[in-house]
Amino acid sequence: MQIHVVQKGQSLYGIARAYGINYTDIAQANELPDPSRLVVGQALVIPTTGSFHWVQPGQSLYVIAGLYGMTVNELATINRLSTTQTLQIGQRLYIPPKPKKLAESLLYVEPRTPVTQAMIDEVRNRADSLTYLAMFSYEAQRDGSLKAPSIDDIPNIAQSAGAANALVVTNLEEFAFNADLAHALFTDEAAQNRLFGNLIQVANDVGYKDIHFDFEILHSEDRELYNSFLRKARDRIHQAGFTISTALAPMTSDVRTGIYGAHDYRTHGEIADFVSLMTYEWGYTYSDPQAVSPIGPVRNVVEYAVTQIPREKIFLGQNLYGYDWSSPFPSQGGSAARAVSPQQALAIAVQQEVDIQYDYVAQAPHFNYTDDTGVPHEVWFEDARSIQAKFDLIKQFNLRGIMYWKLGLAFPQNWLLLQDNFTIRKI
C-alpha cells in the first residue's frame, strides 16, 4: 500500500489513473463519503500491492534503491531496466512490498448501556485485526467486589474471530480515577484477596484470557504498595492460568512524585506479561491546540521504556481520535476541546473547504476553520502519515505491538496500514 497526499487540482479519478487502479477502490478503502470532494493535504491510502516511486530531478537508480533498502540490481530487474539506464523525471518505478513484522494489537472497547448495534458491528469488523480486545472496565470496589460493564455478546464475537479477550480492571469511581479507592485496596489484604478471586471468577465465566490493571492517578507514595499489590495479583492470576498486564503513564525517567509517581516501569516490566504505554494526550481536552501524540515525545517515552522493560513486553499506545478546539482556547479561559475521530475531522475539512496542513516535527495533520457563527477553530487529528510514523517506531524499537484507545472512532486508514505493516499474532 502507499500513502498519497492530495495536491491542488487533483481529483480521485486522476489519482487512481496515476496508480493504475479504479477510483472506487480508493474511495472504498478510505471510506470516502463523497469521492468527488477532496481537500488539499488530505492523505489517502492507495490499496495496491507494494508502492510506486516517481523519479524526481537528480535521482538515479542508485539513489532510489537506497531510499527503499534495495540494491540497484533488484530495483532495475523488477522494473525491467538496465542498471546504467538514465531515468526520466516523472518516470514511475514499482517498489515491491517489504516483509511484514509479526506484532500484536490490543484495542480497548468501552460499551455503554445498552450496548448498541453499531458497537457490536464495529467489534465484528475489527476483531480480525486484533490480538486482544480489552473490555473497559470492571471497576474495583473498596471491599474487593467488582462493578461490571455491559458486555452483551462482544466477548463471543471477538473470540470467534480469534481475538483474545482481556478484562480491564480500574480504580474508577463516579467516572474518575480515584487514588483513595486504590489506596484502600492496597492496604486491605482481605479486600485484595476478594478482588483477585472475583477477577478470576469473572475471567473463567466470560472467557477472558488476560487481566489488565489500569490503575491511574495514584498517590505517588503508594508506589511500593502498588508494586506489592501487583505481585500478589500476578501470583494468583498466573496460578489460575491467565496472563496479567498493566497500563503505564507516559514517562521519560523514573519520576517518583506527582500523578505518575506510583507507576514503576522496571517493576511492572518484571511482574506483568506485557504493558501498554499510554503515549497520547499531549494535546487533550483542556490543553491548547497541539498534536495528541507527537512523535518526538512519544519516541522519548519509548527510549526510556526499553531501558526498563523488555521490548517484547511493550505495546505502544495510540489514540484513534483528535480534538477540535474553538477560540478562545482553554489557557485563555475558553471551553474544552471536542473529541473527533479522524473521519469526522476530514468531514469538517471537506465541509469547510480548507486545506490540511502537516506538522513534520510532530508528524500530525491539522487545519483551521471558522464556523458559521464566526468562531475560529483549530483541529489536530490522526491520518495515514501519522499512524505510519508510529508503526515505523514500533518496528525500529522491535516492540511487541500497538494498543489503541478506543473502538468506535472511525479511522479506516489505520486498519489498512496495520495489516500492511504487520502480521497480527493471534493467541
Protein backbone atom coordinates (compact mmCIF):
# COMPACT_ATOMS: atom_id res chain seq x y z
CA MET A 1 0.00 0.00 0.00
CA GLN A 2 1.00 3.61 -0.44
CA ILE A 3 0.09 6.94 1.11
CA HIS A 4 -0.81 9.73 -1.32
CA VAL A 5 -1.26 13.34 -0.24
CA VAL A 6 -3.76 15.27 -2.36
CA GLN A 7 -2.26 18.21 -4.24
CA LYS A 8 -4.01 21.25 -5.68
CA GLY A 9 -6.05 20.40 -8.76
CA GLN A 10 -6.05 16.64 -8.20
CA SER A 11 -9.18 14.52 -8.39
CA LEU A 12 -9.73 11.00 -7.15
CA TYR A 13 -10.11 9.83 -10.76
CA GLY A 14 -6.77 11.35 -11.76
CA ILE A 15 -5.02 9.94 -8.69
CA ALA A 16 -6.38 6.48 -9.43
CA ARG A 17 -5.16 6.65 -13.02
CA ALA A 18 -1.65 7.53 -11.84
CA TYR A 19 -1.60 4.37 -9.72
CA GLY A 20 -3.28 2.21 -12.32
CA ILE A 21 -6.32 1.29 -10.23
CA ASN A 22 -10.02 2.13 -10.18
CA TYR A 23 -11.01 5.25 -8.26
CA THR A 24 -13.76 3.29 -6.49
CA ASP A 25 -11.10 1.10 -4.88
CA ILE A 26 -9.52 4.17 -3.27
CA ALA A 27 -12.90 5.55 -2.24
CA GLN A 28 -13.92 2.28 -0.60
CA ALA A 29 -10.57 1.73 1.13
CA ASN A 30 -10.66 5.20 2.67
CA GLU A 31 -14.43 5.15 3.22
CA LEU A 32 -14.88 8.48 1.44
CA PRO A 33 -18.50 9.65 1.82
CA ASP A 34 -18.26 11.76 -1.37
CA PRO A 35 -15.41 10.74 -3.73
CA SER A 36 -15.90 13.93 -5.71
CA ARG A 37 -14.86 16.09 -2.76
CA LEU A 38 -11.23 16.06 -1.68
CA VAL A 39 -9.20 18.74 0.09
CA VAL A 40 -5.60 19.73 -0.46
CA GLY A 41 -3.35 17.99 2.07
CA GLN A 42 -5.70 15.06 2.61
CA ALA A 43 -3.84 11.74 2.98
CA LEU A 44 -5.22 8.75 1.08
CA VAL A 45 -4.20 5.12 1.40
CA ILE A 46 -3.78 3.65 -2.08
CA PRO A 47 -4.75 -0.05 -1.92
CA THR A 48 -2.00 -1.51 -4.10
CA THR A 49 0.41 -4.38 -3.54
CA GLY A 50 3.70 -2.62 -2.99
CA SER A 51 4.09 1.03 -3.94
CA PHE A 52 5.29 3.37 -6.68
CA HIS A 53 8.03 5.97 -6.85
CA TRP A 54 8.00 8.85 -9.31
CA VAL A 55 11.51 9.93 -10.28
CA GLN A 56 12.49 13.40 -9.03
CA PRO A 57 15.15 15.68 -10.51
CA GLY A 58 18.67 14.40 -9.83
CA GLN A 59 17.59 10.91 -8.78
CA SER A 60 19.32 7.80 -10.11
CA LEU A 61 18.58 4.12 -9.67
CA TYR A 62 21.28 4.06 -7.00
CA VAL A 63 19.65 6.89 -5.03
CA ILE A 64 16.15 5.46 -5.30
CA ALA A 65 17.29 1.95 -4.39
CA GLY A 66 18.87 3.39 -1.23
CA LEU A 67 15.61 5.07 -0.25
CA TYR A 68 13.84 1.73 -0.15
CA GLY A 69 16.62 -0.51 1.18
CA MET A 70 17.12 -2.26 -2.16
CA THR A 71 20.08 -2.96 -4.39
CA VAL A 72 20.35 -1.31 -7.79
CA ASN A 73 20.12 -4.73 -9.46
CA GLU A 74 16.90 -5.55 -7.59
CA LEU A 75 15.26 -2.26 -8.50
CA ALA A 76 16.36 -2.47 -12.12
CA THR A 77 15.26 -6.10 -12.55
CA ILE A 78 11.81 -5.50 -11.04
CA ASN A 79 11.23 -2.56 -13.36
CA ARG A 80 12.87 -4.22 -16.40
CA LEU A 81 15.55 -1.58 -16.69
CA SER A 82 19.27 -1.56 -17.34
CA THR A 83 21.37 -0.68 -14.29
CA THR A 84 23.03 2.04 -16.37
CA GLN A 85 19.81 3.45 -17.78
CA THR A 86 19.19 7.18 -17.40
CA LEU A 87 15.88 7.86 -15.68
CA GLN A 88 13.31 10.42 -16.80
CA ILE A 89 11.80 12.92 -14.38
CA GLY A 90 8.32 11.70 -13.50
CA GLN A 91 9.06 8.11 -14.54
CA ARG A 92 7.15 5.61 -12.39
CA LEU A 93 9.04 2.79 -10.70
CA TYR A 94 7.47 -0.12 -8.87
CA ILE A 95 8.63 -0.85 -5.31
CA PRO A 96 7.71 -4.33 -4.02
CA PRO A 97 6.26 -4.75 -0.52
CA LYS A 98 8.63 -5.37 2.36
CA PRO A 99 8.33 -8.48 4.56
CA LYS A 100 5.86 -7.95 7.40
CA LYS A 101 6.86 -7.96 11.05
CA LEU A 102 4.96 -10.20 13.46
CA ALA A 103 3.23 -7.98 16.02
CA GLU A 104 0.27 -7.88 18.38
CA SER A 105 -2.56 -5.39 18.65
CA LEU A 106 -4.78 -4.51 21.59
CA LEU A 107 -7.93 -2.44 21.32
CA TYR A 108 -9.90 -1.09 24.25
CA VAL A 109 -13.67 -1.23 23.95
CA GLU A 110 -15.90 0.83 26.24
CA PRO A 111 -19.52 -0.23 25.69
CA ARG A 112 -22.38 1.81 27.06
CA THR A 113 -25.66 0.57 28.49
CA PRO A 114 -27.42 -0.68 26.49
CA VAL A 115 -24.74 -1.94 24.07
CA THR A 116 -25.57 -0.52 20.65
CA GLN A 117 -25.75 -2.48 17.43
CA ALA A 118 -23.17 -0.08 15.98
CA MET A 119 -20.72 -1.12 18.71
CA ILE A 120 -21.36 -4.81 18.05
CA ASP A 121 -20.88 -4.29 14.30
CA GLU A 122 -17.63 -2.42 14.88
CA VAL A 123 -16.27 -5.24 17.05
CA ARG A 124 -17.17 -7.69 14.32
CA ASN A 125 -15.44 -5.53 11.69
CA ARG A 126 -12.19 -5.07 13.64
CA ALA A 127 -11.73 -8.34 15.55
CA ASP A 128 -9.80 -9.96 12.70
CA SER A 129 -7.11 -7.29 13.14
CA LEU A 130 -6.75 -7.82 16.88
CA THR A 131 -4.73 -9.96 19.22
CA TYR A 132 -6.64 -8.65 22.25
CA LEU A 133 -9.97 -6.92 22.73
CA ALA A 134 -9.81 -5.24 26.14
CA MET A 135 -13.14 -4.71 27.91
CA PHE A 136 -13.12 -1.34 29.69
CA SER A 137 -13.85 -1.54 32.50
CA TYR A 138 -14.59 -3.61 35.58
CA GLU A 139 -14.47 -1.09 38.44
CA ALA A 140 -12.81 -2.37 41.59
CA GLN A 141 -14.78 -1.50 44.72
CA ARG A 142 -13.24 -0.75 48.11
CA ASP A 143 -14.43 -4.06 49.55
CA GLY A 144 -12.94 -6.08 46.66
CA SER A 145 -16.17 -6.54 44.74
CA LEU A 146 -16.48 -5.56 41.06
CA LYS A 147 -18.84 -3.27 39.19
CA ALA A 148 -19.15 -4.89 35.77
CA PRO A 149 -19.72 -3.11 32.45
CA SER A 150 -22.36 -4.09 29.92
CA ILE A 151 -20.72 -6.56 27.54
CA ASP A 152 -23.63 -8.14 25.60
CA ASP A 153 -22.16 -10.71 23.16
CA ILE A 154 -18.95 -8.78 22.50
CA PRO A 155 -16.53 -11.33 24.04
CA ASN A 156 -18.01 -14.18 21.96
CA ILE A 157 -17.76 -12.12 18.76
CA ALA A 158 -14.12 -11.34 19.45
CA GLN A 159 -13.28 -14.91 20.38
CA SER A 160 -14.91 -16.31 17.24
CA ALA A 161 -12.60 -14.05 15.19
CA GLY A 162 -9.54 -15.30 17.03
CA ALA A 163 -9.08 -12.28 19.30
CA ALA A 164 -8.33 -12.98 22.95
CA ASN A 165 -10.49 -11.13 25.45
CA ALA A 166 -8.87 -9.04 28.18
CA LEU A 167 -10.62 -7.93 31.36
CA VAL A 168 -9.67 -4.35 32.24
CA VAL A 169 -9.92 -3.57 35.96
CA THR A 170 -9.72 0.07 37.06
CA ASN A 171 -9.81 2.30 40.12
CA LEU A 172 -12.62 4.33 38.60
CA GLU A 173 -15.25 5.68 40.96
CA GLU A 174 -18.01 8.06 39.83
CA PHE A 175 -16.42 8.32 36.37
CA ALA A 176 -12.98 9.39 37.66
CA PHE A 177 -9.79 7.56 38.69
CA ASN A 178 -9.70 7.60 42.48
CA ALA A 179 -6.38 7.38 44.33
CA ASP A 180 -8.08 6.87 47.70
CA LEU A 181 -10.01 3.86 46.40
CA ALA A 182 -6.76 2.32 45.15
CA HIS A 183 -5.04 3.03 48.48
CA ALA A 184 -7.87 1.31 50.35
CA LEU A 185 -7.34 -1.81 48.25
CA PHE A 186 -3.55 -1.68 48.57
CA THR A 187 -3.80 -1.65 52.38
CA ASP A 188 -6.61 -4.16 52.93
CA GLU A 189 -5.42 -7.74 52.41
CA ALA A 190 -8.91 -9.21 52.74
CA ALA A 191 -10.26 -6.83 50.07
CA GLN A 192 -7.32 -7.69 47.82
CA ASN A 193 -7.95 -11.41 48.11
CA ARG A 194 -11.63 -10.87 47.44
CA LEU A 195 -10.82 -8.74 44.38
CA PHE A 196 -8.39 -11.28 42.93
CA GLY A 197 -10.90 -14.07 43.48
CA ASN A 198 -13.65 -12.08 41.79
CA LEU A 199 -11.43 -11.24 38.82
CA ILE A 200 -10.52 -14.88 38.32
CA GLN A 201 -14.15 -15.95 38.63
CA VAL A 202 -15.30 -13.42 36.02
CA ALA A 203 -12.44 -14.36 33.71
CA ASN A 204 -13.48 -18.01 33.89
CA ASP A 205 -17.18 -17.23 33.45
CA VAL A 206 -16.80 -14.86 30.47
CA GLY A 207 -13.71 -16.34 28.84
CA TYR A 208 -11.13 -13.61 29.40
CA LYS A 209 -7.52 -14.64 28.80
CA ASP A 210 -5.75 -11.62 30.31
CA ILE A 211 -6.45 -9.47 33.38
CA HIS A 212 -5.32 -5.92 32.68
CA PHE A 213 -4.77 -3.45 35.54
CA ASP A 214 -5.39 0.17 34.55
CA PHE A 215 -4.92 1.95 37.86
CA GLU A 216 -4.25 5.65 37.23
CA ILE A 217 -3.80 8.95 39.09
CA LEU A 218 -2.49 7.17 42.18
CA HIS A 219 -0.85 8.67 45.25
CA SER A 220 2.87 8.74 44.46
CA GLU A 221 3.67 7.50 47.98
CA ASP A 222 1.68 4.32 47.15
CA ARG A 223 4.31 3.23 44.62
CA GLU A 224 5.61 0.27 46.65
CA LEU A 225 2.12 -0.62 47.80
CA TYR A 226 1.01 -0.84 44.15
CA ASN A 227 4.05 -2.94 43.29
CA SER A 228 3.27 -5.34 46.15
CA PHE A 229 -0.40 -5.45 45.11
CA LEU A 230 0.60 -6.39 41.56
CA ARG A 231 2.98 -9.13 42.74
CA LYS A 232 0.16 -10.73 44.72
CA ALA A 233 -2.18 -10.34 41.75
CA ARG A 234 0.35 -11.96 39.41
CA ASP A 235 0.78 -14.99 41.66
CA ARG A 236 -2.97 -15.57 41.94
CA ILE A 237 -3.68 -14.83 38.27
CA HIS A 238 -0.86 -16.98 36.90
CA GLN A 239 -1.86 -19.83 39.19
CA ALA A 240 -5.37 -19.62 37.72
CA GLY A 241 -3.98 -19.86 34.17
CA PHE A 242 -4.34 -16.24 32.99
CA THR A 243 -1.85 -13.59 31.98
CA ILE A 244 -1.55 -10.23 33.71
CA SER A 245 -0.88 -6.86 32.09
CA THR A 246 -0.80 -3.22 33.11
CA ALA A 247 -1.27 0.24 31.65
CA LEU A 248 1.56 2.71 32.26
CA ALA A 249 1.58 6.50 32.16
CA PRO A 250 3.95 8.11 29.60
CA MET A 251 7.25 8.74 31.43
CA THR A 252 10.78 9.54 30.30
CA SER A 253 12.55 8.95 33.64
CA ASP A 254 11.93 7.30 37.00
CA VAL A 255 9.69 10.03 38.35
CA ARG A 256 8.53 9.29 41.91
CA THR A 257 6.30 12.29 42.55
CA GLY A 258 3.06 13.61 41.07
CA ILE A 259 0.24 11.70 39.41
CA TYR A 260 2.64 9.33 37.60
CA GLY A 261 4.88 8.63 40.59
CA ALA A 262 3.29 5.31 41.56
CA HIS A 263 3.99 3.79 38.13
CA ASP A 264 7.28 1.90 38.38
CA TYR A 265 8.36 0.92 34.86
CA ARG A 266 11.06 -1.53 35.92
CA THR A 267 8.87 -3.38 38.41
CA HIS A 268 5.90 -3.56 36.03
CA GLY A 269 8.29 -4.96 33.43
CA GLU A 270 9.27 -7.70 35.86
CA ILE A 271 5.76 -8.52 37.08
CA ALA A 272 3.50 -8.15 34.04
CA ASP A 273 3.35 -10.38 30.98
CA PHE A 274 3.03 -7.19 28.96
CA VAL A 275 2.43 -3.47 29.44
CA SER A 276 0.64 -0.76 27.45
CA LEU A 277 2.25 2.68 27.30
CA MET A 278 -0.37 5.43 27.30
CA THR A 279 1.58 7.51 24.79
CA TYR A 280 -1.09 10.08 23.97
CA GLU A 281 -2.88 13.11 25.44
CA TRP A 282 -0.17 15.72 25.00
CA GLY A 283 -2.96 17.56 23.25
CA TYR A 284 -6.05 16.97 25.38
CA THR A 285 -9.46 18.36 26.25
CA TYR A 286 -8.17 21.28 28.32
CA SER A 287 -4.85 21.94 26.58
CA ASP A 288 -4.28 24.47 23.85
CA PRO A 289 -4.28 23.12 20.28
CA GLN A 290 -1.49 20.64 19.56
CA ALA A 291 -0.91 17.08 18.40
CA VAL A 292 -2.40 14.41 20.66
CA SER A 293 0.57 12.06 20.23
CA PRO A 294 3.51 13.99 18.71
CA ILE A 295 6.21 11.63 17.52
CA GLY A 296 9.07 13.30 19.42
CA PRO A 297 7.60 12.98 22.94
CA VAL A 298 6.28 9.50 22.08
CA ARG A 299 9.78 8.45 20.99
CA ASN A 300 11.22 9.82 24.24
CA VAL A 301 8.87 7.61 26.27
CA VAL A 302 9.79 4.55 24.21
CA GLU A 303 13.51 5.26 24.54
CA TYR A 304 13.13 5.28 28.33
CA ALA A 305 10.75 2.32 28.44
CA VAL A 306 13.11 -0.05 26.62
CA THR A 307 15.79 0.62 29.27
CA GLN A 308 13.40 -0.57 31.98
CA ILE A 309 11.08 -3.13 30.36
CA PRO A 310 11.84 -5.97 27.91
CA ARG A 311 10.91 -4.78 24.41
CA GLU A 312 8.88 -7.91 23.76
CA LYS A 313 6.52 -6.84 26.56
CA ILE A 314 5.80 -3.30 25.34
CA PHE A 315 2.70 -2.13 23.49
CA LEU A 316 2.89 1.40 22.10
CA GLY A 317 -0.29 3.33 22.89
CA GLN A 318 -2.10 5.14 20.08
CA ASN A 319 -5.14 7.41 20.07
CA LEU A 320 -7.88 6.88 17.48
CA TYR A 321 -9.11 10.46 17.82
CA GLY A 322 -8.18 14.11 17.67
CA TYR A 323 -9.61 17.35 19.04
CA ASP A 324 -11.42 20.37 17.69
CA TRP A 325 -10.54 23.48 19.75
CA SER A 326 -12.60 26.64 19.48
CA SER A 327 -11.35 30.12 20.30
CA PRO A 328 -10.78 31.31 22.98
CA PHE A 329 -8.63 28.29 23.87
CA PRO A 330 -8.57 26.76 27.37
CA SER A 331 -5.49 28.73 28.51
CA GLN A 332 -7.43 31.90 27.61
CA GLY A 333 -10.44 30.85 29.66
CA GLY A 334 -12.22 29.14 26.76
CA SER A 335 -14.19 25.92 26.68
CA ALA A 336 -12.90 22.36 26.45
CA ALA A 337 -11.99 20.87 23.10
CA ARG A 338 -14.37 18.49 21.36
CA ALA A 339 -13.08 14.99 20.56
CA VAL A 340 -13.36 14.00 16.89
CA SER A 341 -12.48 10.82 15.01
CA PRO A 342 -10.15 11.11 12.00
CA GLN A 343 -13.16 10.63 9.72
CA GLN A 344 -15.05 13.41 11.48
CA ALA A 345 -12.04 15.72 11.20
CA LEU A 346 -11.83 15.06 7.45
CA ALA A 347 -15.55 15.70 7.09
CA ILE A 348 -15.11 19.10 8.76
CA ALA A 349 -12.22 19.99 6.43
CA VAL A 350 -14.25 18.98 3.38
CA GLN A 351 -17.35 20.85 4.54
CA GLN A 352 -15.34 23.99 5.33
CA GLU A 353 -13.23 23.59 2.16
CA VAL A 354 -9.96 24.22 3.99
CA ASP A 355 -6.52 22.78 3.26
CA ILE A 356 -4.99 20.28 5.65
CA GLN A 357 -1.52 21.15 6.89
CA TYR A 358 1.04 18.64 8.19
CA ASP A 359 3.47 19.25 11.04
CA TYR A 360 6.54 17.18 10.11
CA VAL A 361 8.12 17.68 13.54
CA ALA A 362 5.08 16.34 15.42
CA GLN A 363 4.11 14.04 12.50
CA ALA A 364 0.49 15.14 12.76
CA PRO A 365 -2.11 16.76 10.47
CA HIS A 366 -4.05 19.87 11.44
CA PHE A 367 -6.18 22.66 9.97
CA ASN A 368 -8.02 25.84 10.90
CA TYR A 369 -11.53 26.95 10.03
CA THR A 370 -14.15 29.47 11.07
CA ASP A 371 -17.61 28.15 11.89
CA ASP A 372 -20.96 29.64 10.84
CA THR A 373 -21.06 31.86 13.92
CA GLY A 374 -17.65 33.37 13.18
CA VAL A 375 -15.74 31.42 15.85
CA PRO A 376 -12.21 30.31 14.84
CA HIS A 377 -11.34 26.62 15.31
CA GLU A 378 -8.13 24.58 15.23
CA VAL A 379 -8.24 20.82 14.65
CA TRP A 380 -5.46 18.29 15.25
CA PHE A 381 -6.10 14.66 14.38
CA GLU A 382 -4.56 11.46 13.00
CA ASP A 383 -4.13 10.34 9.40
CA ALA A 384 -2.28 7.70 7.40
CA ARG A 385 1.03 9.56 7.71
CA SER A 386 0.86 9.98 11.48
CA ILE A 387 -0.08 6.36 12.12
CA GLN A 388 2.62 5.12 9.75
CA ALA A 389 5.15 7.10 11.81
CA LYS A 390 4.04 5.11 14.90
CA PHE A 391 4.26 1.80 13.04
CA ASP A 392 7.79 2.71 11.98
CA LEU A 393 8.63 3.42 15.64
CA ILE A 394 7.33 0.00 16.68
CA LYS A 395 9.50 -1.67 14.05
CA GLN A 396 12.55 0.43 14.87
CA PHE A 397 12.42 -0.48 18.58
CA ASN A 398 11.17 -4.03 17.97
CA LEU A 399 8.21 -3.59 20.34
CA ARG A 400 5.53 -6.19 20.98
CA GLY A 401 2.83 -4.21 19.17
CA ILE A 402 0.29 -1.41 19.36
CA MET A 403 -2.51 -0.55 21.78
CA TYR A 404 -5.48 1.59 20.73
CA TRP A 405 -7.79 3.82 22.71
CA LYS A 406 -10.54 3.14 21.67
CA LEU A 407 -13.05 1.30 19.44
CA GLY A 408 -15.89 3.29 17.90
CA LEU A 409 -13.82 6.17 16.48
CA ALA A 410 -13.73 5.78 12.72
CA PHE A 411 -10.22 5.60 11.24
CA PRO A 412 -10.29 3.14 8.32
CA GLN A 413 -6.78 4.05 7.16
CA ASN A 414 -5.30 2.76 10.40
CA TRP A 415 -6.66 -0.73 9.87
CA LEU A 416 -5.46 -0.86 6.26
CA LEU A 417 -1.94 0.16 7.23
CA LEU A 418 -1.87 -2.09 10.30
CA GLN A 419 -2.44 -5.12 8.08
CA ASP A 420 0.03 -3.82 5.51
CA ASN A 421 2.83 -3.35 8.06
CA PHE A 422 2.32 -6.33 10.32
CA THR A 423 1.20 -9.92 10.52
CA ILE A 424 -1.05 -9.81 13.57
CA ARG A 425 -0.36 -12.56 16.03
CA LYS A 426 -3.30 -14.47 17.42
CA ILE A 427 -3.24 -16.13 20.84
